[in-house]
PDB file of N, CA and C in Angstrom:
ATOM      1  N   MET A   1      -0.274  73.294  38.588  1.00  0.00           N
ATOM      2  CA  MET A   1      -1.074  72.896  37.450  1.00  0.00           C
ATOM      3  C   MET A   1      -0.148  72.404  36.345  1.00  0.00           C
ATOM      4  N   ALA A   2      -0.522  71.350  35.672  1.00  0.00           N
ATOM      5  CA  ALA A   2       0.282  70.792  34.584  1.00  0.00           C
ATOM      6  C   ALA A   2       0.169  71.672  33.342  1.00  0.00           C
ATOM      7  N   GLU A   3       1.205  71.643  32.540  1.00  0.00           N
ATOM      8  CA  GLU A   3       1.225  72.421  31.300  1.00  0.00           C
ATOM      9  C   GLU A   3       1.640  71.500  30.159  1.00  0.00           C
ATOM     10  N   ILE A   4       0.864  71.515  29.080  1.00  0.00           N
ATOM     11  CA  ILE A   4       1.187  70.696  27.915  1.00  0.00           C
ATOM     12  C   ILE A   4       2.039  71.523  26.967  1.00  0.00           C
ATOM     13  N   ILE A   5       3.143  70.936  26.531  1.00  0.00           N
ATOM     14  CA  ILE A   5       4.087  71.621  25.652  1.00  0.00           C
ATOM     15  C   ILE A   5       4.169  70.828  24.350  1.00  0.00           C
ATOM     16  N   GLU A   6       3.876  71.488  23.233  1.00  0.00           N
ATOM     17  CA  GLU A   6       3.983  70.854  21.916  1.00  0.00           C
ATOM     18  C   GLU A   6       5.414  71.027  21.423  1.00  0.00           C
ATOM     19  N   ASN A   7       5.989  69.971  20.837  1.00  0.00           N
ATOM     20  CA  ASN A   7       7.307  70.130  20.239  1.00  0.00           C
ATOM     21  C   ASN A   7       7.196  70.007  18.723  1.00  0.00           C
ATOM     22  N   MET A   8       8.297  70.156  18.020  1.00  0.00           N
ATOM     23  CA  MET A   8       8.281  70.182  16.556  1.00  0.00           C
ATOM     24  C   MET A   8       7.822  68.867  15.934  1.00  0.00           C
ATOM     25  N   ASN A   9       8.003  67.766  16.616  1.00  0.00           N
ATOM     26  CA  ASN A   9       7.635  66.455  16.077  1.00  0.00           C
ATOM     27  C   ASN A   9       6.173  66.111  16.322  1.00  0.00           C
ATOM     28  N   GLY A  10       5.431  67.010  16.926  1.00  0.00           N
ATOM     29  CA  GLY A  10       4.023  66.768  17.202  1.00  0.00           C
ATOM     30  C   GLY A  10       3.765  65.999  18.482  1.00  0.00           C
ATOM     31  N   ARG A  11       4.808  65.608  19.159  1.00  0.00           N
ATOM     32  CA  ARG A  11       4.648  64.894  20.428  1.00  0.00           C
ATOM     33  C   ARG A  11       4.440  65.913  21.541  1.00  0.00           C
ATOM     34  N   ARG A  12       3.521  65.612  22.438  1.00  0.00           N
ATOM     35  CA  ARG A  12       3.230  66.544  23.523  1.00  0.00           C
ATOM     36  C   ARG A  12       3.944  66.119  24.792  1.00  0.00           C
ATOM     37  N   LEU A  13       4.521  67.061  25.464  1.00  0.00           N
ATOM     38  CA  LEU A  13       5.156  66.835  26.759  1.00  0.00           C
ATOM     39  C   LEU A  13       4.273  67.464  27.822  1.00  0.00           C
ATOM     40  N   ILE A  14       4.290  66.900  29.000  1.00  0.00           N
ATOM     41  CA  ILE A  14       3.516  67.467  30.103  1.00  0.00           C
ATOM     42  C   ILE A  14       4.485  67.903  31.187  1.00  0.00           C
ATOM     43  N   ARG A  15       4.495  69.188  31.454  1.00  0.00           N
ATOM     44  CA  ARG A  15       5.292  69.730  32.555  1.00  0.00           C
ATOM     45  C   ARG A  15       4.370  69.784  33.764  1.00  0.00           C
ATOM     46  N   VAL A  16       4.768  69.104  34.832  1.00  0.00           N
ATOM     47  CA  VAL A  16       3.922  69.058  36.025  1.00  0.00           C
ATOM     48  C   VAL A  16       4.567  69.846  37.159  1.00  0.00           C
ATOM     49  N   SER A  17       3.723  70.356  38.004  1.00  0.00           N
ATOM     50  CA  SER A  17       4.204  71.125  39.145  1.00  0.00           C
ATOM     51  C   SER A  17       4.622  70.189  40.273  1.00  0.00           C
ATOM     52  N   THR A  18       5.302  70.738  41.231  1.00  0.00           N
ATOM     53  CA  THR A  18       5.702  69.977  42.414  1.00  0.00           C
ATOM     54  C   THR A  18       4.474  69.435  43.135  1.00  0.00           C
ATOM     55  N   ASP A  19       3.427  70.244  43.240  1.00  0.00           N
ATOM     56  CA  ASP A  19       2.196  69.804  43.907  1.00  0.00           C
ATOM     57  C   ASP A  19       1.558  68.615  43.191  1.00  0.00           C
ATOM     58  N   ASP A  20       1.592  68.632  41.845  1.00  0.00           N
ATOM     59  CA  ASP A  20       1.042  67.510  41.083  1.00  0.00           C
ATOM     60  C   ASP A  20       1.820  66.228  41.362  1.00  0.00           C
ATOM     61  N   ILE A  21       3.131  66.325  41.398  1.00  0.00           N
ATOM     62  CA  ILE A  21       3.974  65.154  41.657  1.00  0.00           C
ATOM     63  C   ILE A  21       3.719  64.612  43.056  1.00  0.00           C
ATOM     64  N   ILE A  22       3.664  65.501  44.035  1.00  0.00           N
ATOM     65  CA  ILE A  22       3.405  65.079  45.416  1.00  0.00           C
ATOM     66  C   ILE A  22       2.045  64.397  45.515  1.00  0.00           C
ATOM     67  N   SER A  23       1.052  64.929  44.833  1.00  0.00           N
ATOM     68  CA  SER A  23      -0.281  64.337  44.838  1.00  0.00           C
ATOM     69  C   SER A  23      -0.265  62.927  44.252  1.00  0.00           C
ATOM     70  N   LEU A  24       0.437  62.743  43.134  1.00  0.00           N
ATOM     71  CA  LEU A  24       0.539  61.418  42.522  1.00  0.00           C
ATOM     72  C   LEU A  24       1.279  60.438  43.425  1.00  0.00           C
ATOM     73  N   VAL A  25       2.348  60.894  44.057  1.00  0.00           N
ATOM     74  CA  VAL A  25       3.117  60.030  44.955  1.00  0.00           C
ATOM     75  C   VAL A  25       2.264  59.626  46.156  1.00  0.00           C
ATOM     76  N   ARG A  26       1.511  60.563  46.708  1.00  0.00           N
ATOM     77  CA  ARG A  26       0.633  60.241  47.843  1.00  0.00           C
ATOM     78  C   ARG A  26      -0.401  59.192  47.462  1.00  0.00           C
ATOM     79  N   GLU A  27      -0.988  59.368  46.275  1.00  0.00           N
ATOM     80  CA  GLU A  27      -1.984  58.404  45.821  1.00  0.00           C
ATOM     81  C   GLU A  27      -1.352  57.023  45.649  1.00  0.00           C
ATOM     82  N   TYR A  28      -0.161  56.982  45.074  1.00  0.00           N
ATOM     83  CA  TYR A  28       0.557  55.710  44.911  1.00  0.00           C
ATOM     84  C   TYR A  28       0.848  55.084  46.274  1.00  0.00           C
ATOM     85  N   GLN A  29       1.293  55.894  47.233  1.00  0.00           N
ATOM     86  CA  GLN A  29       1.639  55.376  48.554  1.00  0.00           C
ATOM     87  C   GLN A  29       0.429  54.779  49.261  1.00  0.00           C
ATOM     88  N   GLN A  30      -0.747  55.350  49.036  1.00  0.00           N
ATOM     89  CA  GLN A  30      -1.955  54.785  49.643  1.00  0.00           C
ATOM     90  C   GLN A  30      -2.166  53.348  49.175  1.00  0.00           C
ATOM     91  N   TYR A  31      -1.949  53.107  47.894  1.00  0.00           N
ATOM     92  CA  TYR A  31      -2.110  51.751  47.365  1.00  0.00           C
ATOM     93  C   TYR A  31      -0.956  50.857  47.791  1.00  0.00           C
ATOM     94  N   ALA A  32       0.243  51.389  47.803  1.00  0.00           N
ATOM     95  CA  ALA A  32       1.426  50.591  48.132  1.00  0.00           C
ATOM     96  C   ALA A  32       1.396  50.132  49.590  1.00  0.00           C
ATOM     97  N   CYS A  33       0.922  50.976  50.492  1.00  0.00           N
ATOM     98  CA  CYS A  33       0.889  50.617  51.915  1.00  0.00           C
ATOM     99  C   CYS A  33      -0.148  49.534  52.197  1.00  0.00           C
ATOM    100  N   GLU A  34      -1.195  49.474  51.378  1.00  0.00           N
ATOM    101  CA  GLU A  34      -2.248  48.484  51.575  1.00  0.00           C
ATOM    102  C   GLU A  34      -1.930  47.156  50.903  1.00  0.00           C
ATOM    103  N   SER A  35      -0.878  47.106  50.111  1.00  0.00           N
ATOM    104  CA  SER A  35      -0.571  45.921  49.312  1.00  0.00           C
ATOM    105  C   SER A  35       0.724  45.274  49.780  1.00  0.00           C
ATOM    106  N   SER A  36       0.837  43.985  49.478  1.00  0.00           N
ATOM    107  CA  SER A  36       2.023  43.268  49.940  1.00  0.00           C
ATOM    108  C   SER A  36       3.020  42.972  48.829  1.00  0.00           C
ATOM    109  N   SER A  37       2.619  43.145  47.575  1.00  0.00           N
ATOM    110  CA  SER A  37       3.537  42.810  46.489  1.00  0.00           C
ATOM    111  C   SER A  37       3.422  43.814  45.343  1.00  0.00           C
ATOM    112  N   TYR A  38       4.444  43.816  44.518  1.00  0.00           N
ATOM    113  CA  TYR A  38       4.456  44.674  43.334  1.00  0.00           C
ATOM    114  C   TYR A  38       3.268  44.345  42.431  1.00  0.00           C
ATOM    115  N   ARG A  39       3.020  43.058  42.247  1.00  0.00           N
ATOM    116  CA  ARG A  39       1.932  42.625  41.366  1.00  0.00           C
ATOM    117  C   ARG A  39       0.579  43.136  41.867  1.00  0.00           C
ATOM    118  N   GLU A  40       0.360  43.066  43.169  1.00  0.00           N
ATOM    119  CA  GLU A  40      -0.897  43.537  43.757  1.00  0.00           C
ATOM    120  C   GLU A  40      -1.056  45.047  43.570  1.00  0.00           C
ATOM    121  N   ILE A  41       0.014  45.795  43.791  1.00  0.00           N
ATOM    122  CA  ILE A  41      -0.016  47.249  43.578  1.00  0.00           C
ATOM    123  C   ILE A  41      -0.342  47.541  42.123  1.00  0.00           C
ATOM    124  N   ARG A  42       0.341  46.842  41.229  1.00  0.00           N
ATOM    125  CA  ARG A  42       0.153  47.043  39.787  1.00  0.00           C
ATOM    126  C   ARG A  42      -1.297  46.781  39.382  1.00  0.00           C
ATOM    127  N   GLU A  43      -1.883  45.712  39.891  1.00  0.00           N
ATOM    128  CA  GLU A  43      -3.269  45.373  39.562  1.00  0.00           C
ATOM    129  C   GLU A  43      -4.233  46.448  40.060  1.00  0.00           C
ATOM    130  N   LYS A  44      -4.019  46.958  41.254  1.00  0.00           N
ATOM    131  CA  LYS A  44      -4.882  48.015  41.790  1.00  0.00           C
ATOM    132  C   LYS A  44      -4.759  49.296  40.973  1.00  0.00           C
ATOM    133  N   LEU A  45      -3.530  49.667  40.614  1.00  0.00           N
ATOM    134  CA  LEU A  45      -3.332  50.893  39.840  1.00  0.00           C
ATOM    135  C   LEU A  45      -3.862  50.758  38.419  1.00  0.00           C
ATOM    136  N   ASP A  46      -3.811  49.555  37.850  1.00  0.00           N
ATOM    137  CA  ASP A  46      -4.356  49.332  36.507  1.00  0.00           C
ATOM    138  C   ASP A  46      -5.866  49.566  36.472  1.00  0.00           C
ATOM    139  N   LYS A  47      -6.541  49.335  37.592  1.00  0.00           N
ATOM    140  CA  LYS A  47      -7.992  49.527  37.669  1.00  0.00           C
ATOM    141  C   LYS A  47      -8.368  50.984  37.936  1.00  0.00           C
ATOM    142  N   LYS A  48      -7.409  51.794  38.330  1.00  0.00           N
ATOM    143  CA  LYS A  48      -7.670  53.185  38.721  1.00  0.00           C
ATOM    144  C   LYS A  48      -7.271  54.134  37.602  1.00  0.00           C
ATOM    145  N   ASP A  49      -8.120  55.109  37.327  1.00  0.00           N
ATOM    146  CA  ASP A  49      -7.772  56.165  36.379  1.00  0.00           C
ATOM    147  C   ASP A  49      -7.071  57.280  37.134  1.00  0.00           C
ATOM    148  N   ILE A  50      -5.914  57.677  36.640  1.00  0.00           N
ATOM    149  CA  ILE A  50      -5.170  58.783  37.238  1.00  0.00           C
ATOM    150  C   ILE A  50      -5.076  59.879  36.189  1.00  0.00           C
ATOM    151  N   TYR A  51      -5.501  61.066  36.535  1.00  0.00           N
ATOM    152  CA  TYR A  51      -5.524  62.176  35.588  1.00  0.00           C
ATOM    153  C   TYR A  51      -4.545  63.260  35.997  1.00  0.00           C
ATOM    154  N   LEU A  52      -3.917  63.850  35.002  1.00  0.00           N
ATOM    155  CA  LEU A  52      -3.109  65.043  35.210  1.00  0.00           C
ATOM    156  C   LEU A  52      -3.906  66.214  34.662  1.00  0.00           C
ATOM    157  N   PRO A  53      -4.073  67.278  35.416  1.00  0.00           N
ATOM    158  CA  PRO A  53      -4.825  68.421  34.907  1.00  0.00           C
ATOM    159  C   PRO A  53      -4.072  69.100  33.761  1.00  0.00           C
ATOM    160  N   GLU A  54      -4.816  69.626  32.791  1.00  0.00           N
ATOM    161  CA  GLU A  54      -4.205  70.341  31.676  1.00  0.00           C
ATOM    162  C   GLU A  54      -4.377  71.842  31.880  1.00  0.00           C
ATOM    163  N   ASP A  55      -3.375  72.590  31.478  1.00  0.00           N
ATOM    164  CA  ASP A  55      -3.453  74.049  31.521  1.00  0.00           C
ATOM    165  C   ASP A  55      -2.807  74.568  30.244  1.00  0.00           C
ATOM    166  N   PHE A  56      -3.584  75.192  29.400  1.00  0.00           N
ATOM    167  CA  PHE A  56      -3.038  75.704  28.135  1.00  0.00           C
ATOM    168  C   PHE A  56      -2.612  77.144  28.267  1.00  0.00           C
TER     169      PHE A  56
END
């Protein structure tokens, strides 16, 4: 589960777990394997919402 960390400057950092990273990479690979170019991958990912879970 991801964890949001507040710092002194008010900027939030997101600490993600190994499982979260693997999940994001798998999702990216699904699009990358179906596409032939960087531009095509980029266009598909721009249309997709990707969420990181929050845990306070």
